[in-house]
Protein backbone atom coordinates (compact mmCIF):
# COMPACT_ATOMS: atom_id res chain seq x y z
CA MET A 1 -42.41 43.97 42.93
CA ASP A 2 -39.54 42.01 44.45
CA THR A 3 -40.16 39.03 42.18
CA LYS A 4 -40.04 41.32 39.11
CA LYS A 5 -36.67 42.73 40.22
CA ILE A 6 -35.35 39.26 40.87
CA MET A 7 -36.52 38.11 37.41
CA ILE A 8 -34.95 41.15 35.71
CA PHE A 9 -31.64 40.66 37.53
CA SER A 10 -31.73 36.95 36.74
CA ILE A 11 -32.29 37.63 33.04
CA ILE A 12 -29.55 40.29 32.98
CA GLY A 13 -27.19 37.91 34.80
CA PHE A 14 -28.01 35.11 32.37
CA VAL A 15 -27.41 37.34 29.33
CA LEU A 16 -24.11 38.61 30.78
CA SER A 17 -23.06 35.02 31.48
CA LEU A 18 -23.79 34.12 27.86
CA PHE A 19 -21.68 37.03 26.62
CA ILE A 20 -18.80 36.08 28.91
CA PHE A 21 -19.03 32.43 27.83
CA ALA A 22 -19.18 33.36 24.14
CA GLY A 23 -16.24 35.75 24.51
CA THR A 24 -14.15 33.16 26.32
CA LEU A 25 -15.02 30.54 23.72
CA TYR A 26 -14.10 32.89 20.89
CA LEU A 27 -10.76 33.85 22.44
CA THR A 28 -9.72 30.30 23.30
CA VAL A 29 -10.94 28.36 20.28
CA PHE A 30 -11.07 30.71 17.34
CA LYS A 31 -8.11 32.97 18.12
CA SER A 32 -5.73 30.12 18.91
CA SER A 33 -6.61 28.28 15.69
CA SER A 34 -6.07 31.44 13.65
CA LYS A 35 -2.55 31.74 15.10
CA GLU A 36 -1.84 28.16 14.06
CA ALA A 37 -3.23 28.85 10.62
CA LYS A 38 -0.74 31.65 10.01
CA ASP A 39 1.70 30.83 7.27
CA ILE A 40 5.02 29.49 8.43
CA LYS A 41 7.94 31.16 6.68
CA THR A 42 9.54 28.64 4.34
CA TYR A 43 12.65 28.61 2.20
CA ASN A 44 13.28 26.65 -0.98
CA TYR A 45 16.40 24.87 -2.14
CA ASP A 46 16.47 23.99 -5.82
CA ALA A 47 18.22 20.63 -5.97
CA GLY A 48 18.37 20.89 -9.74
CA GLU A 49 17.66 18.47 -12.54
CA PHE A 50 17.93 14.72 -12.12
CA SER A 51 18.04 12.08 -14.81
CA THR A 52 18.56 8.40 -14.14
CA ASN A 53 17.43 4.88 -14.94
CA MET A 54 14.86 3.46 -12.57
CA GLY A 55 14.37 0.11 -10.80
CA ASP A 56 14.51 -1.87 -13.98
CA SER A 57 16.76 -0.42 -16.64
CA ASN A 58 13.91 -0.11 -19.14
CA HIS A 59 12.53 3.03 -17.49
CA TYR A 60 14.02 6.48 -17.20
CA PHE A 61 13.32 9.43 -14.87
CA LYS A 62 14.06 13.06 -15.66
CA GLY A 63 12.88 15.96 -13.53
CA ASN A 64 13.58 18.89 -11.23
CA ILE A 65 13.26 18.75 -7.46
CA VAL A 66 12.84 21.59 -4.96
CA ILE A 67 13.25 21.04 -1.21
CA GLU A 68 11.19 23.24 1.13
CA THR A 69 12.52 23.96 4.64
CA THR A 70 11.44 26.12 7.56
CA ASP A 71 14.98 27.21 8.43
CA LYS A 72 17.05 29.47 6.20
CA LYS A 73 20.28 28.07 7.64
CA ASP A 74 19.29 24.62 6.44
CA VAL A 75 19.12 25.90 2.86
CA GLU A 76 22.77 26.86 3.26
CA LYS A 77 23.49 23.41 4.70
CA LEU A 78 21.74 21.76 1.74
CA THR A 79 23.79 23.91 -0.64
CA GLU A 80 27.04 22.93 1.11
CA LYS A 81 26.11 19.25 1.02
CA ASN A 82 24.75 19.29 -2.53
CA VAL A 83 26.65 16.13 -3.46
CA ILE A 84 25.03 14.18 -0.60
CA VAL A 85 21.61 15.63 -1.47
CA ARG A 86 21.91 14.59 -5.10
CA ASP A 87 23.23 11.13 -4.19
CA THR A 88 20.36 10.55 -1.75
CA VAL A 89 17.73 11.70 -4.24
CA LEU A 90 19.17 9.52 -7.01
CA LYS A 91 19.28 6.44 -4.76
CA VAL A 92 15.64 6.92 -3.80
CA ILE A 93 14.52 7.45 -7.40
CA ILE A 94 16.53 4.49 -8.72
CA SER A 95 14.88 2.21 -6.17
CA GLN A 96 11.33 3.17 -7.20
CA ASP A 97 8.85 1.24 -9.29
CA PRO A 98 8.16 3.42 -12.36
CA LYS A 99 4.42 2.69 -12.12
CA GLN A 100 4.41 4.15 -8.63
CA MET A 101 5.61 7.50 -9.96
CA THR A 102 2.49 7.85 -12.09
CA THR A 103 0.05 8.02 -9.16
CA ASN A 104 -0.52 10.70 -6.53
CA GLU A 105 -0.27 8.14 -3.75
CA GLY A 106 3.01 6.86 -5.15
CA MET A 107 4.45 10.36 -5.43
CA ASP A 108 3.36 11.17 -1.86
CA LYS A 109 5.16 8.04 -0.65
CA ILE A 110 8.32 9.00 -2.56
CA GLU A 111 8.18 12.54 -1.14
CA ARG A 112 7.89 11.17 2.42
CA GLU A 113 10.79 8.79 1.78
CA LEU A 114 12.92 11.62 0.39
CA ILE A 115 12.15 13.82 3.40
CA SER A 116 13.10 11.00 5.78
CA LYS A 117 16.31 10.04 4.00
CA LEU A 118 17.45 13.62 3.34
CA SER A 119 16.80 14.59 6.97
CA LYS A 120 19.12 11.78 8.06
CA SER A 121 21.83 12.02 5.41
CA VAL A 122 22.25 15.81 5.53
CA ASN A 123 21.18 16.21 9.18
CA VAL A 124 18.47 18.75 8.34
CA LYS A 125 15.33 18.42 10.47
CA SER A 126 13.40 21.35 8.99
CA ILE A 127 12.52 19.79 5.62
CA ARG A 128 8.82 20.37 5.22
CA ASN A 129 8.11 19.23 1.68
CA ILE A 130 9.60 17.97 -1.57
CA TYR A 131 8.33 19.35 -4.86
CA PHE A 132 8.77 17.76 -8.25
CA THR A 133 8.54 20.93 -10.34
CA ASN A 134 8.49 18.87 -13.52
CA TYR A 135 9.26 15.29 -14.31
CA ILE A 136 8.81 12.58 -16.85
CA VAL A 137 9.01 8.82 -16.52
CA GLN A 138 9.52 6.81 -19.69
């Protein structure tokens, strides 16, 4: 009889340990990742339309660019420093190889370069992404 009680208590203890382990695992792994997955509030600054010659003067860029930030105050800063924003964007676009702007990898590289240069020139650290809402390279 004592061995049956010991077995029953052992099984109950094992099952309870599994529930505690599973609960702890769920709360630490799955709950924390769901908090990270929550959408971060973002704000957009429409930098407007750009048109310029590119690298070699035989190619032309025309398009609209939107800058995404995570800080609403930085949208105001971008608006105030619109001239610097436009100058920085134009300098980056002018320096590009037109063929590069026809590939996803090339556009990703240009977006990263724009984020880096705009962050420095306008002193805005919350730039999250650059969107080309429409563009054409001829």
